[in-house]
Protein backbone atom coordinates (compact mmCIF):
# COMPACT_ATOMS: atom_id res chain seq x y z
CA MET A 1 16.07 -35.88 16.72
CA LYS A 2 18.56 -33.77 14.36
CA MET A 3 21.92 -35.64 13.47
CA HIS A 4 24.43 -35.23 10.82
CA GLY A 5 27.65 -37.04 9.71
CA LEU A 6 30.02 -34.37 8.01
CA GLY A 7 27.17 -32.44 7.09
CA ASN A 8 24.88 -35.05 5.54
CA ASP A 9 21.86 -34.32 7.84
CA PHE A 10 18.81 -36.12 9.14
CA VAL A 11 15.70 -36.18 10.70
CA VAL A 12 15.58 -39.12 13.08
CA ILE A 13 12.35 -40.53 14.61
CA ASP A 14 12.37 -43.12 17.54
CA ALA A 15 9.21 -45.26 17.11
CA ARG A 16 10.75 -48.19 19.02
CA ARG A 17 7.45 -48.04 21.38
CA ALA A 18 5.23 -46.42 19.20
CA ALA A 19 4.83 -47.52 15.74
CA MET A 20 4.64 -45.11 13.09
CA ARG A 21 5.28 -44.72 9.25
CA PRO A 22 5.28 -41.25 7.99
CA ASP A 23 3.52 -40.42 4.42
CA ALA A 24 5.57 -38.86 1.31
CA ALA A 25 3.42 -35.40 2.16
CA LEU A 26 4.74 -35.30 5.73
CA VAL A 27 8.35 -36.26 4.72
CA ALA A 28 8.62 -33.39 2.31
CA GLU A 29 7.30 -31.09 5.04
CA MET A 30 9.58 -32.20 7.64
CA ALA A 31 12.44 -31.68 5.41
CA ASP A 32 11.45 -28.17 3.93
CA ARG A 33 14.61 -26.08 5.36
CA HIS A 34 12.33 -22.85 6.12
CA ARG A 35 9.24 -24.11 7.07
CA GLY A 36 10.22 -27.57 8.62
CA VAL A 37 13.21 -28.84 10.14
CA GLY A 38 15.34 -29.64 6.97
CA PHE A 39 17.03 -32.73 6.27
CA ASP A 40 18.82 -34.77 3.48
CA GLN A 41 17.02 -37.88 4.77
CA LEU A 42 14.55 -38.89 7.45
CA ALA A 43 15.29 -42.12 9.20
CA VAL A 44 12.75 -43.97 11.70
CA MET A 45 13.93 -46.29 14.41
CA GLN A 46 11.43 -49.10 14.85
CA PRO A 47 11.42 -52.40 16.84
CA THR A 48 12.18 -55.82 15.49
CA ALA A 49 12.42 -59.23 17.00
CA GLY A 50 15.22 -60.09 14.06
CA ALA A 51 17.99 -57.57 15.41
CA ASP A 52 18.45 -55.00 18.03
CA LEU A 53 16.41 -52.30 15.94
CA ARG A 54 14.94 -51.48 12.43
CA LEU A 55 15.79 -48.50 10.33
CA ALA A 56 13.67 -47.17 7.64
CA PHE A 57 14.65 -44.32 5.47
CA TRP A 58 13.33 -41.55 3.34
CA ASN A 59 14.82 -39.19 0.83
CA ALA A 60 13.83 -35.44 1.26
CA ASP A 61 11.29 -35.68 -1.41
CA GLY A 62 9.20 -38.04 0.33
CA SER A 63 10.52 -41.10 -1.74
CA PRO A 64 11.64 -44.28 0.03
CA SER A 65 15.39 -45.54 0.47
CA ALA A 66 16.72 -48.81 1.46
CA ALA A 67 19.82 -47.62 2.68
CA CYS A 68 21.50 -44.47 4.17
CA GLY A 69 25.02 -45.19 5.52
CA ASN A 70 25.82 -41.83 7.43
CA ALA A 71 22.32 -41.93 9.38
CA THR A 72 23.28 -45.65 10.43
CA ARG A 73 26.29 -44.84 11.90
CA CYS A 74 24.65 -41.62 13.59
CA ILE A 75 21.91 -43.81 14.78
CA ALA A 76 24.62 -46.43 15.91
CA ALA A 77 26.37 -43.92 18.20
CA HIS A 78 22.96 -42.76 19.55
CA VAL A 79 22.24 -46.35 20.68
CA PHE A 80 25.80 -47.01 21.71
CA ASP A 81 25.73 -43.86 23.96
CA GLU A 82 22.22 -45.34 25.48
CA THR A 83 22.77 -48.59 26.07
CA GLY A 84 26.53 -48.89 26.70
CA ALA A 85 26.82 -51.69 24.00
CA ARG A 86 29.96 -51.97 21.56
CA THR A 87 27.99 -53.63 18.93
CA LEU A 88 24.57 -53.37 17.14
CA SER A 89 22.54 -55.26 14.47
CA ILE A 90 20.54 -53.04 12.46
CA GLU A 91 17.59 -54.53 10.19
CA THR A 92 17.04 -52.61 7.06
CA ASP A 93 15.36 -53.12 3.75
CA ARG A 94 19.47 -53.49 2.63
CA GLY A 95 19.37 -56.44 4.81
CA LEU A 96 21.02 -57.15 8.43
CA LEU A 97 23.95 -54.65 8.97
CA HIS A 98 26.09 -54.62 11.98
CA ALA A 99 27.76 -51.54 13.59
CA VAL A 100 30.85 -51.52 16.13
CA ARG A 101 32.38 -48.97 18.50
CA SER A 102 36.11 -48.77 19.01
CA ALA A 103 37.85 -48.50 22.08
CA SER A 104 39.02 -45.05 20.63
CA GLY A 105 34.89 -44.19 20.25
CA ALA A 106 34.92 -44.37 16.53
CA VAL A 107 31.74 -45.74 15.00
CA SER A 108 31.90 -48.24 12.29
CA VAL A 109 29.15 -49.54 9.99
CA ASN A 110 29.11 -52.93 7.82
CA MET A 111 27.11 -51.50 5.04
CA GLY A 112 26.89 -55.32 3.49
CA HIS A 113 28.34 -56.71 0.25
CA PRO A 114 28.47 -54.08 -2.80
CA GLN A 115 26.09 -55.19 -5.73
CA THR A 116 28.11 -55.16 -9.03
CA ASP A 117 25.23 -57.44 -11.26
CA TRP A 118 23.05 -55.14 -13.60
CA GLU A 119 20.00 -56.82 -12.05
CA GLU A 120 20.86 -56.48 -8.41
CA ILE A 121 21.78 -52.53 -8.69
CA PRO A 122 19.19 -52.60 -11.01
CA LEU A 123 19.86 -51.37 -14.20
CA ALA A 124 17.58 -51.52 -17.08
CA ARG A 125 19.19 -53.92 -19.53
CA ALA A 126 22.46 -56.68 -19.15
CA LEU A 127 25.32 -54.60 -19.37
CA ASP A 128 28.72 -54.51 -17.77
CA THR A 129 28.50 -52.15 -14.80
CA LEU A 130 32.26 -51.43 -14.75
CA GLU A 131 31.68 -49.09 -17.50
CA LEU A 132 28.12 -48.08 -18.57
CA PRO A 133 27.64 -46.92 -22.16
CA ILE A 134 27.34 -43.54 -21.15
CA GLU A 135 29.55 -40.51 -21.80
CA GLY A 136 32.28 -40.58 -19.09
CA ALA A 137 32.00 -44.18 -18.89
CA PRO A 138 30.52 -44.52 -15.20
CA THR A 139 30.66 -47.30 -12.99
CA ALA A 140 27.37 -48.57 -11.42
CA THR A 141 27.23 -50.08 -8.15
CA GLY A 142 24.46 -51.18 -5.64
CA MET A 143 24.96 -50.46 -1.85
CA GLY A 144 20.98 -51.30 -1.19
CA ASN A 145 20.52 -48.04 -3.37
CA PRO A 146 21.93 -47.33 -7.27
CA HIS A 147 24.78 -45.35 -7.95
CA CYS A 148 26.69 -44.24 -10.71
CA THR A 149 30.31 -42.60 -10.38
CA PHE A 150 32.15 -41.07 -13.03
CA PHE A 151 36.11 -40.69 -12.54
CA VAL A 152 37.25 -37.53 -13.64
CA PRO A 153 40.33 -35.36 -13.57
CA ASP A 154 39.14 -33.08 -11.29
CA ALA A 155 35.87 -33.32 -9.11
CA GLU A 156 35.83 -29.86 -8.33
CA ALA A 157 35.87 -28.69 -11.91
CA VAL A 158 32.41 -30.67 -12.65
CA ASP A 159 29.10 -28.78 -12.74
CA LEU A 160 27.41 -31.33 -10.19
CA VAL A 161 23.93 -29.63 -10.61
CA ALA A 162 24.19 -30.69 -14.24
CA ILE A 163 25.52 -33.95 -14.53
CA GLY A 164 23.27 -34.88 -11.31
CA ARG A 165 19.96 -33.78 -12.71
CA ALA A 166 21.14 -35.48 -16.26
CA HIS A 167 21.84 -38.71 -14.78
CA GLU A 168 19.64 -39.20 -11.77
CA HIS A 169 16.80 -39.77 -13.80
CA HIS A 170 18.77 -41.71 -16.92
CA PRO A 171 17.01 -44.08 -18.71
CA LEU A 172 19.31 -47.22 -17.46
CA PHE A 173 18.68 -46.71 -13.62
CA PRO A 174 14.72 -47.76 -13.54
CA ARG A 175 14.65 -46.63 -9.90
CA ARG A 176 16.71 -43.21 -10.45
CA THR A 177 20.37 -43.41 -9.28
CA ASN A 178 22.78 -41.31 -6.99
CA VAL A 179 25.64 -39.79 -9.12
CA GLN A 180 29.18 -39.36 -7.55
CA VAL A 181 31.73 -37.51 -9.40
CA ALA A 182 35.28 -38.35 -8.20
CA SER A 183 39.04 -38.08 -8.50
CA VAL A 184 42.04 -39.93 -7.33
CA ILE A 185 44.11 -37.39 -5.32
CA GLY A 186 46.96 -39.49 -3.88
CA ALA A 187 47.56 -43.00 -2.69
CA ASP A 188 44.37 -44.27 -1.77
CA ARG A 189 42.47 -40.86 -1.54
CA ILE A 190 39.44 -39.94 -3.23
CA ARG A 191 38.11 -36.38 -3.73
CA MET A 192 34.27 -37.34 -3.87
CA ARG A 193 31.08 -35.23 -4.61
CA VAL A 194 27.55 -36.23 -4.65
CA TRP A 195 24.47 -35.70 -5.85
CA GLU A 196 21.46 -37.67 -4.03
CA ARG A 197 18.36 -38.92 -5.66
CA GLY A 198 15.61 -37.28 -4.41
CA THR A 199 17.54 -34.65 -3.00
CA GLY A 200 20.28 -33.24 -4.74
CA ILE A 201 23.86 -31.85 -3.60
CA THR A 202 24.55 -32.98 -0.09
CA LEU A 203 28.26 -32.43 1.79
CA ALA A 204 28.47 -36.27 2.27
CA SER A 205 26.71 -39.53 1.63
CA GLY A 206 27.98 -42.83 3.20
CA SER A 207 26.53 -45.18 0.85
CA SER A 208 27.83 -42.77 -2.03
CA SER A 209 31.24 -43.01 -0.20
CA CYS A 210 31.10 -46.95 -0.05
CA ALA A 211 29.84 -47.38 -3.64
CA THR A 212 32.61 -44.96 -4.80
CA ALA A 213 35.45 -46.88 -2.86
CA VAL A 214 34.24 -50.29 -4.49
CA ALA A 215 34.16 -48.70 -8.12
CA ALA A 216 37.62 -47.14 -7.71
CA HIS A 217 39.28 -50.54 -6.34
CA ARG A 218 37.36 -52.45 -8.98
CA ARG A 219 38.76 -50.44 -11.77
CA GLY A 220 42.15 -50.69 -10.37
CA LEU A 221 42.75 -47.12 -9.29
CA THR A 222 42.75 -47.79 -5.40
CA SER A 223 43.64 -50.79 -2.84
CA ARG A 224 40.58 -52.04 -0.85
CA GLU A 225 41.02 -49.13 1.99
CA VAL A 226 40.43 -45.76 0.97
CA THR A 227 40.34 -42.19 2.59
CA ILE A 228 37.05 -40.44 0.92
CA VAL A 229 37.13 -36.54 0.98
CA LEU A 230 33.94 -34.91 0.97
CA ASP A 231 32.44 -31.78 1.15
CA GLY A 232 31.72 -32.01 4.71
CA GLY A 233 34.75 -34.15 5.81
CA GLU A 234 36.29 -37.71 5.47
CA LEU A 235 35.38 -40.95 5.58
CA THR A 236 37.48 -44.12 5.81
CA VAL A 237 36.02 -47.13 3.48
CA ARG A 238 36.86 -50.56 3.82
CA TRP A 239 36.08 -53.32 1.25
CA ALA A 240 36.55 -56.40 3.31
CA ASP A 241 35.68 -59.95 2.74
CA ASP A 242 32.43 -59.88 5.08
CA GLY A 243 31.37 -56.19 3.54
CA VAL A 244 32.11 -52.57 3.04
CA TRP A 245 32.91 -51.10 6.40
CA MET A 246 32.57 -47.26 6.59
CA THR A 247 34.14 -45.29 9.78
CA GLY A 248 33.83 -41.45 10.43
CA PRO A 249 32.22 -38.54 12.77
CA THR A 250 29.02 -38.23 13.99
CA ALA A 251 27.02 -35.51 15.49
CA HIS A 252 23.44 -35.38 17.47
CA VAL A 253 22.41 -31.73 16.85
CA PHE A 254 19.26 -31.55 18.84
CA SER A 255 16.22 -33.08 20.17
CA GLY A 256 12.75 -31.80 19.72
CA VAL A 257 8.95 -32.31 19.32
CA TRP A 258 7.33 -31.99 16.02
CA HIS A 259 4.29 -29.58 15.62
CA GLY A 260 3.56 -29.74 12.29
CA ALA A 261 0.85 -32.11 10.67
CA PRO A 262 0.40 -35.70 13.01
CA VAL A 263 2.53 -38.47 11.94
CA SER A 264 0.15 -41.43 11.06
CA ALA A 265 0.50 -44.93 12.73
CA GLY A 266 1.30 -47.95 10.91
């Protein structure tokens, strides 16, 4: 399936009845927007005894990722349509996540508790994660994947390609990092643009939105519930006692069959 959340797009492989695990070369082949399908991330639905389903994620360059918030919401919406359920438990490398569908049809996913300790994110050494010793004093946050959020006067004016490339591989982030530039543009309203590790600029990012909302509240800029305005649209993020909840639109674009290199089992 090809799906997207606010233009943050995915290929989703349903392997609940046939075990498979793509290798990095196949992921990159499928991600090619000219010769493959094209996506920001790949998600594979897998069976598990510990939840309703398991999700595994890869970035467009073939590197693995523990979390992908928008893909999780899109897949939850698909399963809700498929089963008629209103709640869903999802096992990921990030941990056990929960999704709900409201009476209005909106899909929300709890992305778990944020990681604010340097070892959890992780950083290369012990540091105050609220303001890193990097020009611009960004905030580091973990949402199952690492994030580096710069708060700037005008997110539109920032050269995102330059700042993203410069910091994705920063020595403080041994597993690389997603990079966000964010501006508070109103009461509990943030304009945010994102560079995702292994992918580049994306129209939206769920985990980046969660990380930015957490960072903004930690810095005293917003309350615990904010609207994140991305290039592809808006997400609502609420940092609750049980984790960070994210709500927004989902879209199923098409279903198809891959005729490229075979998908390996495993």
